[in-house]
Amino acid sequence: MRVTRLAPVAAVLLALAGCGPGGDTGRVPPAATGSLEELAAEVQCEPDVQTDADEIRQAICRTPQGRFVLVTFATDRGRREWTEEAKDYGGHYLVGPKWVAVGDEGVVRALRGTLGGELEAGADHHAHGG
């Protein structure tokens, strides 16, 4: 069942998974809380909602810093489980209480300056030879 919840975001995560330079944005505020729409408003994004369920809500957002996926969860446990599985797809994650923002490293670092949260990195698929 958990794979089913990840399936809609897998393609988006792979499209957004990128490596790039990025520096911390300086002071980090306390991690934001709120609904998907409230978090999106904090970073001045009009969310394009892709998944709207009781346990998980997902939207694509665009800001001047770039495009990212914003995901909110009904519980912290749901967020932890989703994040641990999603990291297998690579990408960069900004993790807060009951929410995750996924995008290029520079984008999530910039979002951290507004939303707070912790930076986490997914699996590095560039290191694999072919």
Protein backbone atom coordinates (compact mmCIF):
# COMPACT_ATOMS: atom_id res chain seq x y z
CA MET A 1 0.00 0.00 0.00
CA ARG A 2 2.86 2.34 0.81
CA VAL A 3 4.30 1.93 -2.71
CA THR A 4 0.95 3.04 -4.12
CA ARG A 5 1.23 6.33 -2.21
CA LEU A 6 4.73 6.89 -3.59
CA ALA A 7 3.96 5.98 -7.19
CA PRO A 8 2.43 9.36 -8.17
CA VAL A 9 5.42 11.26 -6.84
CA ALA A 10 8.16 8.98 -8.16
CA ALA A 11 8.21 10.56 -11.63
CA VAL A 12 8.13 14.06 -10.18
CA LEU A 13 10.95 13.25 -7.76
CA LEU A 14 13.09 11.85 -10.53
CA ALA A 15 12.44 14.91 -12.66
CA LEU A 16 13.30 17.24 -9.81
CA ALA A 17 16.27 15.24 -8.50
CA GLY A 18 19.26 17.26 -9.44
CA CYS A 19 22.59 18.16 -8.07
CA GLY A 20 23.74 21.69 -7.83
CA PRO A 21 25.66 24.03 -5.67
CA GLY A 22 23.84 25.69 -2.88
CA GLY A 23 24.69 27.53 0.25
CA ASP A 24 22.74 27.85 3.41
CA THR A 25 20.57 30.92 3.44
CA GLY A 26 21.90 32.07 6.80
CA ARG A 27 19.66 32.06 9.84
CA VAL A 28 17.10 29.31 9.95
CA PRO A 29 13.70 30.12 11.45
CA PRO A 30 11.77 27.60 13.53
CA ALA A 31 10.11 24.97 11.34
CA ALA A 32 6.81 26.20 9.92
CA THR A 33 3.55 24.41 10.57
CA GLY A 34 0.23 24.48 8.77
CA SER A 35 -1.76 23.13 5.88
CA LEU A 36 -0.36 22.66 2.40
CA GLU A 37 -1.94 25.96 1.34
CA GLU A 38 -0.56 27.81 4.38
CA LEU A 39 2.97 26.51 3.81
CA ALA A 40 2.75 27.37 0.09
CA ALA A 41 1.58 30.89 0.97
CA GLU A 42 4.63 31.31 3.23
CA VAL A 43 6.89 30.89 0.19
CA GLN A 44 4.54 32.76 -2.16
CA CYS A 45 3.58 29.73 -4.23
CA GLU A 46 0.20 28.95 -5.77
CA PRO A 47 0.13 25.15 -5.21
CA ASP A 48 -0.90 22.88 -8.08
CA VAL A 49 -2.44 20.08 -6.00
CA GLN A 50 -1.72 16.63 -7.43
CA THR A 51 -2.83 14.40 -4.53
CA ASP A 52 -5.55 15.29 -2.05
CA ALA A 53 -6.19 12.46 0.42
CA ASP A 54 -6.76 12.26 4.16
CA GLU A 55 -3.24 10.99 4.92
CA ILE A 56 -1.21 12.85 2.31
CA ARG A 57 -1.54 15.98 0.17
CA GLN A 58 0.93 16.83 -2.57
CA ALA A 59 1.37 19.86 -4.79
CA ILE A 60 3.84 21.19 -7.32
CA CYS A 61 5.03 24.69 -6.50
CA ARG A 62 7.03 27.27 -8.40
CA THR A 63 8.86 30.20 -6.87
CA PRO A 64 11.59 32.49 -8.23
CA GLN A 65 14.08 30.00 -6.73
CA GLY A 66 12.67 27.11 -8.78
CA ARG A 67 10.17 24.28 -8.85
CA PHE A 68 9.59 21.87 -5.98
CA VAL A 69 7.08 19.38 -4.62
CA LEU A 70 5.38 20.20 -1.33
CA VAL A 71 3.88 17.27 0.58
CA THR A 72 1.91 17.40 3.82
CA PHE A 73 0.92 14.49 6.03
CA ALA A 74 -1.73 13.74 8.64
CA THR A 75 0.93 12.40 11.04
CA ASP A 76 4.65 12.73 11.71
CA ARG A 77 4.93 8.96 11.38
CA GLY A 78 3.47 9.14 7.88
CA ARG A 79 5.98 11.85 6.99
CA ARG A 80 8.91 9.81 8.36
CA GLU A 81 7.88 6.65 6.50
CA TRP A 82 7.28 8.50 3.22
CA THR A 83 10.57 10.40 3.44
CA GLU A 84 12.64 7.29 4.15
CA GLU A 85 11.16 5.50 1.13
CA ALA A 86 11.28 8.55 -1.14
CA LYS A 87 14.99 9.07 -0.50
CA ASP A 88 15.67 5.98 -2.62
CA TYR A 89 14.71 8.14 -5.63
CA GLY A 90 17.39 10.72 -4.85
CA GLY A 91 16.73 14.43 -4.63
CA HIS A 92 17.00 16.94 -1.84
CA TYR A 93 14.52 17.27 0.99
CA LEU A 94 13.54 20.00 3.40
CA VAL A 95 11.76 18.26 6.26
CA GLY A 96 9.46 19.86 8.79
CA PRO A 97 6.75 18.66 11.13
CA LYS A 98 4.20 16.82 8.98
CA TRP A 99 5.59 18.26 5.71
CA VAL A 100 8.39 17.81 3.18
CA ALA A 101 9.59 19.98 0.29
CA VAL A 102 11.48 18.13 -2.46
CA GLY A 103 13.57 19.74 -5.18
CA ASP A 104 17.02 20.76 -6.29
CA GLU A 105 19.48 21.45 -3.51
CA GLY A 106 19.54 25.21 -4.13
CA VAL A 107 15.74 25.39 -4.07
CA VAL A 108 15.31 23.53 -0.77
CA ARG A 109 18.13 25.54 0.81
CA ALA A 110 16.37 28.75 -0.22
CA LEU A 111 13.03 27.47 1.12
CA ARG A 112 14.71 26.71 4.44
CA GLY A 113 15.24 30.43 4.96
CA THR A 114 11.45 30.85 5.12
CA LEU A 115 10.08 27.49 6.26
CA GLY A 116 12.86 26.31 8.56
CA GLY A 117 13.18 22.55 8.79
CA GLU A 118 16.06 20.14 8.28
CA LEU A 119 17.94 19.47 5.04
CA GLU A 120 18.26 15.84 3.99
CA ALA A 121 19.64 14.24 0.83
CA GLY A 122 18.34 11.22 -1.03
CA ALA A 123 20.38 8.47 -2.66
CA ASP A 124 23.10 9.66 -5.00
CA HIS A 125 22.43 7.92 -8.32
CA HIS A 126 25.20 9.83 -10.13
CA ALA A 127 27.88 7.70 -8.45
CA HIS A 128 26.75 4.53 -10.21
CA GLY A 129 28.77 3.54 -13.25
CA GLY A 130 27.33 2.04 -16.37
